[in-house]
């Protein structure tokens, strides 16, 4: 029988973190953060990292595990997440996987079998020059029966890299946990307002200064831009490429587009139970978790 895990996923500015804390506190759980930027130290305001005060004593894992500029892959995340989850389970605690990086969530929740072959950076640079539909056509020519989502650029590119390296095994799944998946988002107009309010609040709290400090420490402009969203646009502002108001407007629009892409990813998964955030999501989620934990199979 697989051990049980709760997954809470959803869009930017939706309230995933605070909901996760409330539920983990109620059910004796610990949280594994599934966010591709929160793994880095000192990327706090820009990544929306939960503060020690907001954790309310609930242990959190996979925050601040790399220094800015260091390499960190989905395979690294999966390995560290498995270690953290197994440790949590060994202490008879309930693991909560909480985050908005869909690929990281699925890699752990669904047990992606990830190749241990190192990526070919020259090949990756070449593949990056193609649009996703072109990459998928290249993959179909090499592997006609592929079942990879043609919109999943990362997995299409990784499949092409593996084929080039002579690793033609299909990208399988080997789930380690029995899941309850809870989804967190809001109606589009409310979510837009929440994104705008959160962006304004984080700018006032010192997000510009956070990015400036990282650049002053010697973190490369290239690394910051690759992080995307807040770090990309604030780096462009601080290096004089765009003005403050342009940065703020374009960043707000980019976050909203990203939230839309997140929803496109999550909607593919029929297992997600979407919580009614306008009612009492803690009570609704608690009922679902209690029923899930009482199941014997």
Protein backbone atom coordinates (compact mmCIF):
# COMPACT_ATOMS: atom_id res chain seq x y z
CA UNK A 1 0.00 0.00 0.00
CA UNK A 2 1.43 3.37 -1.01
CA UNK A 3 1.89 6.01 1.71
CA UNK A 4 -0.46 8.98 1.48
CA UNK A 5 0.41 12.55 0.51
CA UNK A 6 -1.63 15.73 0.09
CA UNK A 7 -0.90 17.94 -2.93
CA UNK A 8 -1.95 21.58 -2.98
CA UNK A 9 -1.34 23.32 -6.29
CA UNK A 10 -2.62 26.41 -8.00
CA UNK A 11 -1.91 29.77 -9.53
CA UNK A 12 0.23 32.70 -8.42
CA UNK A 13 -1.29 34.86 -5.67
CA UNK A 14 -4.00 32.30 -4.97
CA UNK A 15 -3.25 31.64 -1.30
CA UNK A 16 -1.70 28.16 -1.61
CA UNK A 17 0.94 28.75 1.05
CA UNK A 18 -1.36 30.01 3.80
CA UNK A 19 -3.90 27.26 3.09
CA UNK A 20 -1.13 24.68 3.23
CA UNK A 21 0.00 25.96 6.63
CA UNK A 22 -3.52 25.81 8.08
CA UNK A 23 -4.13 22.28 6.82
CA UNK A 24 -0.69 20.95 7.76
CA UNK A 25 -1.11 22.35 11.28
CA UNK A 26 -4.52 20.71 11.58
CA UNK A 27 -3.42 17.28 10.34
CA UNK A 28 0.07 17.00 11.83
CA UNK A 29 1.78 17.62 8.53
CA UNK A 30 4.93 19.14 7.09
CA UNK A 31 5.23 21.07 3.83
CA UNK A 32 7.47 20.42 0.84
CA UNK A 33 7.64 23.58 -1.26
CA UNK A 34 7.31 22.86 -4.99
CA UNK A 35 8.60 26.10 -6.47
CA UNK A 36 11.49 26.36 -8.92
CA UNK A 37 12.69 29.71 -7.54
CA UNK A 38 12.12 29.27 -3.81
CA UNK A 39 14.85 26.63 -3.71
CA UNK A 40 17.36 29.51 -3.94
CA UNK A 41 18.58 31.45 -0.91
CA UNK A 42 17.81 35.19 -0.78
CA UNK A 43 15.18 34.97 -3.52
CA UNK A 44 12.44 35.85 -1.07
CA UNK A 45 10.06 38.65 -2.06
CA UNK A 46 10.43 38.04 -5.77
CA UNK A 47 9.57 34.36 -5.45
CA UNK A 48 6.76 34.89 -2.94
CA UNK A 49 8.59 32.72 -0.40
CA UNK A 50 6.72 32.15 2.83
CA UNK A 51 8.23 33.95 5.84
CA UNK A 52 9.13 32.22 9.13
CA UNK A 53 6.24 34.07 10.80
CA UNK A 54 3.78 32.90 8.15
CA UNK A 55 4.87 29.28 8.67
CA UNK A 56 3.28 29.37 12.13
CA UNK A 57 5.60 26.63 13.35
CA UNK A 58 4.83 24.20 10.51
CA UNK A 59 8.10 22.69 9.19
CA UNK A 60 8.87 23.54 5.55
CA UNK A 61 11.28 21.69 3.26
CA UNK A 62 13.11 22.56 0.01
CA UNK A 63 13.38 26.26 0.70
CA UNK A 64 16.86 27.82 0.44
CA UNK A 65 18.69 24.68 -0.68
CA UNK A 66 20.87 26.34 -3.35
CA UNK A 67 22.75 29.61 -3.70
CA UNK A 68 21.70 31.96 -6.52
CA UNK A 69 23.51 31.09 -9.72
CA UNK A 70 23.96 27.40 -8.89
CA UNK A 71 22.51 24.76 -11.19
CA UNK A 72 19.27 23.14 -10.04
CA UNK A 73 17.20 20.77 -12.14
CA UNK A 74 13.88 18.99 -11.94
CA UNK A 75 15.85 15.82 -11.16
CA UNK A 76 17.52 17.60 -8.22
CA UNK A 77 14.13 18.69 -6.95
CA UNK A 78 12.64 15.23 -7.26
CA UNK A 79 15.55 13.61 -5.42
CA UNK A 80 15.47 16.11 -2.53
CA UNK A 81 11.67 15.98 -2.34
CA UNK A 82 11.69 12.17 -2.12
CA UNK A 83 14.25 12.39 0.71
CA UNK A 84 12.16 14.96 2.59
CA UNK A 85 8.88 13.07 2.10
CA UNK A 86 10.38 9.77 3.21
CA UNK A 87 11.78 11.48 6.31
CA UNK A 88 8.37 13.03 7.09
CA UNK A 89 6.63 9.67 6.68
CA UNK A 90 9.22 7.91 8.86
CA UNK A 91 8.17 10.21 11.70
CA UNK A 92 4.47 9.40 11.17
CA UNK A 93 3.78 12.89 9.88
CA UNK A 94 1.68 13.74 6.81
CA UNK A 95 3.51 15.23 3.80
CA UNK A 96 1.95 18.20 2.00
CA UNK A 97 3.43 19.01 -1.42
CA UNK A 98 2.54 22.67 -1.99
CA UNK A 99 3.43 24.84 -4.98
CA UNK A 100 2.73 26.30 -8.37
CA UNK A 101 5.55 24.84 -10.48
CA UNK A 102 3.45 22.17 -12.17
CA UNK A 103 6.39 20.24 -13.57
CA UNK A 104 8.02 19.95 -10.14
CA UNK A 105 4.72 18.89 -8.55
CA UNK A 106 4.09 16.21 -11.16
CA UNK A 107 7.69 14.93 -11.12
CA UNK A 108 7.22 13.99 -7.46
CA UNK A 109 3.49 13.29 -7.28
CA UNK A 110 3.44 11.07 -10.38
CA UNK A 111 6.94 9.65 -10.01
CA UNK A 112 8.51 10.73 -13.28
CA UNK A 113 11.33 8.38 -14.24
CA UNK A 114 14.02 10.90 -15.04
CA UNK A 115 17.13 9.98 -16.99
CA UNK A 116 20.37 10.29 -15.04
CA UNK A 117 22.32 11.28 -18.14
CA UNK A 118 23.69 14.80 -17.98
CA UNK A 119 22.14 17.26 -20.46
CA UNK A 120 24.12 18.23 -23.56
CA UNK A 121 24.24 22.00 -23.24
CA UNK A 122 25.21 22.61 -26.87
CA UNK A 123 22.28 20.50 -28.04
CA UNK A 124 19.97 22.27 -25.59
CA UNK A 125 21.08 25.66 -26.97
CA UNK A 126 20.33 24.43 -30.50
CA UNK A 127 16.89 23.11 -29.54
CA UNK A 128 16.04 26.39 -27.81
CA UNK A 129 16.10 28.09 -31.24
CA UNK A 130 12.96 26.17 -32.32
CA UNK A 131 9.33 26.85 -31.44
CA UNK A 132 7.57 24.14 -29.42
CA UNK A 133 5.45 22.80 -32.36
CA UNK A 134 8.64 22.39 -34.42
CA UNK A 135 10.31 20.51 -31.58
CA UNK A 136 7.31 18.22 -31.25
CA UNK A 137 7.41 17.42 -34.98
CA UNK A 138 11.09 16.53 -34.61
CA UNK A 139 10.19 14.21 -31.75
CA UNK A 140 7.32 12.60 -33.70
CA UNK A 141 9.70 11.82 -36.55
CA UNK A 142 12.10 10.07 -34.18
CA UNK A 143 9.46 8.55 -31.87
CA UNK A 144 6.11 8.28 -33.71
CA UNK A 145 4.28 6.67 -30.79
CA UNK A 146 5.28 9.27 -28.18
CA UNK A 147 2.57 10.19 -25.68
CA UNK A 148 4.27 13.37 -24.46
CA UNK A 149 2.01 16.43 -24.37
CA UNK A 150 2.94 18.46 -27.50
CA UNK A 151 2.58 21.70 -25.46
CA UNK A 152 5.02 20.57 -22.76
CA UNK A 153 8.16 22.20 -24.13
CA UNK A 154 10.43 20.95 -21.35
CA UNK A 155 9.48 17.29 -21.72
CA UNK A 156 9.60 17.44 -25.54
CA UNK A 157 13.12 18.92 -25.41
CA UNK A 158 14.27 16.45 -22.78
CA UNK A 159 12.96 13.54 -24.88
CA UNK A 160 14.90 14.81 -27.88
CA UNK A 161 18.04 15.14 -25.76
CA UNK A 162 17.66 11.60 -24.44
CA UNK A 163 17.19 10.21 -27.95
CA UNK A 164 20.32 12.03 -29.12
CA UNK A 165 22.23 10.51 -26.18
CA UNK A 166 21.06 7.02 -27.12
CA UNK A 167 18.62 6.73 -24.22
CA UNK A 168 15.43 5.77 -26.06
CA UNK A 169 13.49 4.39 -23.10
CA UNK A 170 10.04 5.93 -22.84
CA UNK A 171 9.66 8.52 -20.11
CA UNK A 172 7.70 6.45 -17.64
CA UNK A 173 6.09 7.04 -14.29
CA UNK A 174 6.57 5.16 -11.06
CA UNK A 175 4.30 6.74 -8.42
CA UNK A 176 5.49 6.39 -4.85
CA UNK A 177 2.51 7.91 -3.06
CA UNK A 178 -1.27 7.77 -2.95
CA UNK A 179 -2.48 11.29 -3.62
CA UNK A 180 -5.22 13.71 -2.72
CA UNK A 181 -4.84 16.70 -5.05
CA UNK A 182 -6.40 20.02 -4.05
CA UNK A 183 -6.51 23.00 -6.40
CA UNK A 184 -6.43 26.68 -5.43
CA UNK A 185 -7.39 29.57 -7.70
CA UNK A 186 -9.93 32.37 -8.10
CA UNK A 187 -12.23 33.71 -10.83
CA UNK A 188 -10.16 35.56 -13.42
CA UNK A 189 -11.02 39.14 -12.38
CA UNK A 190 -10.45 38.46 -8.69
CA UNK A 191 -7.15 36.72 -9.44
CA UNK A 192 -6.00 39.71 -11.51
CA UNK A 193 -6.79 42.02 -8.60
CA UNK A 194 -4.94 39.75 -6.16
CA UNK A 195 -1.91 39.71 -8.48
CA UNK A 196 -1.89 43.52 -8.74
CA UNK A 197 -2.25 43.96 -4.99
CA UNK A 198 0.47 41.45 -4.20
CA UNK A 199 2.86 43.03 -6.72
CA UNK A 200 2.31 46.49 -5.23
CA UNK A 201 2.81 45.16 -1.70
CA UNK A 202 6.03 43.35 -2.56
CA UNK A 203 7.45 46.40 -4.32
CA UNK A 204 6.74 48.44 -1.20
CA UNK A 205 8.33 45.76 0.99
CA UNK A 206 11.64 46.02 -0.90
CA UNK A 207 11.57 43.69 -3.89
CA UNK A 208 13.63 46.12 -5.98
CA UNK A 209 16.24 46.28 -3.23
CA UNK A 210 16.31 42.48 -3.03
CA UNK A 211 17.17 42.18 -6.71
CA UNK A 212 19.73 45.00 -6.53
CA UNK A 213 21.48 43.28 -3.63
CA UNK A 214 21.71 40.03 -5.59
CA UNK A 215 23.17 41.80 -8.62
CA UNK A 216 25.58 43.73 -6.40
CA UNK A 217 26.72 40.42 -4.87
CA UNK A 218 27.74 39.26 -8.32
CA UNK A 219 24.78 37.07 -9.25
CA UNK A 220 24.81 37.20 -13.05
CA UNK A 221 22.28 39.18 -15.02
CA UNK A 222 21.79 36.10 -17.21
CA UNK A 223 20.80 33.95 -14.22
CA UNK A 224 18.40 36.59 -12.92
CA UNK A 225 16.70 36.99 -16.30
CA UNK A 226 16.35 33.20 -16.68
CA UNK A 227 14.45 33.10 -13.37
CA UNK A 228 11.69 34.99 -15.17
CA UNK A 229 8.87 37.26 -14.03
CA UNK A 230 9.85 39.48 -11.08
CA UNK A 231 13.57 38.79 -11.34
CA UNK A 232 13.68 39.29 -15.09
CA UNK A 233 11.77 42.57 -15.18
CA UNK A 234 13.44 44.05 -12.09
CA UNK A 235 16.86 43.16 -13.52
CA UNK A 236 15.93 44.92 -16.75
CA UNK A 237 14.81 47.96 -14.74
CA UNK A 238 17.94 48.05 -12.57
CA UNK A 239 20.24 47.72 -15.60
CA UNK A 240 18.50 50.60 -17.35
CA UNK A 241 16.75 48.63 -20.08
CA UNK A 242 13.24 49.77 -19.07
CA UNK A 243 11.77 52.45 -16.81
CA UNK A 244 10.00 51.85 -13.51
CA UNK A 245 6.42 52.32 -14.71
CA UNK A 246 7.03 50.19 -17.81
CA UNK A 247 8.58 47.50 -15.62
CA UNK A 248 5.62 47.53 -13.27
CA UNK A 249 3.01 47.36 -16.04
CA UNK A 250 4.78 44.69 -18.09
CA UNK A 251 5.55 42.60 -15.01
CA UNK A 252 1.94 42.67 -13.87
CA UNK A 253 0.80 41.54 -17.31
CA UNK A 254 3.46 38.80 -17.42
CA UNK A 255 2.38 37.40 -14.03
CA UNK A 256 -1.24 37.27 -15.22
CA UNK A 257 -0.22 35.45 -18.41
CA UNK A 258 1.83 33.04 -16.33
CA UNK A 259 -1.15 32.34 -14.05
CA UNK A 260 -3.17 31.54 -17.16
CA UNK A 261 -0.50 29.08 -18.32
CA UNK A 262 -0.50 27.52 -14.85
CA UNK A 263 -4.25 26.91 -15.12
CA UNK A 264 -3.82 25.36 -18.57
CA UNK A 265 -1.33 22.92 -17.03
CA UNK A 266 -3.47 22.09 -14.00
CA UNK A 267 -6.72 21.65 -15.96
CA UNK A 268 -5.23 18.62 -17.71
CA UNK A 269 -5.42 16.73 -14.42
CA UNK A 270 -8.93 15.46 -13.60
CA UNK A 271 -7.78 14.31 -10.16
CA UNK A 272 -7.57 17.89 -8.82
CA UNK A 273 -10.46 18.90 -6.56
CA UNK A 274 -10.81 22.67 -6.98
CA UNK A 275 -11.65 24.35 -3.69
CA UNK A 276 -14.22 27.13 -3.42
CA UNK A 277 -11.96 29.91 -2.16
CA UNK A 278 -14.89 32.32 -1.71
CA UNK A 279 -16.50 30.03 0.87
CA UNK A 280 -14.55 28.10 3.53
CA UNK A 281 -11.69 26.32 1.74
CA UNK A 282 -10.12 25.11 5.00
CA UNK A 283 -13.31 23.32 6.03
CA UNK A 284 -13.88 21.92 2.53
CA UNK A 285 -10.28 20.69 2.26
CA UNK A 286 -10.37 19.27 5.80
CA UNK A 287 -13.42 17.16 4.98
CA UNK A 288 -11.70 15.83 1.86
CA UNK A 289 -8.49 15.07 3.75
CA UNK A 290 -10.32 13.29 6.57
CA UNK A 291 -12.14 11.08 4.06
CA UNK A 292 -8.90 10.42 2.18
CA UNK A 293 -6.99 9.46 5.34
CA UNK A 294 -9.77 7.12 6.44
CA UNK A 295 -9.59 5.10 3.21
CA UNK A 296 -7.98 1.69 3.67
CA UNK A 297 -6.97 1.21 0.05
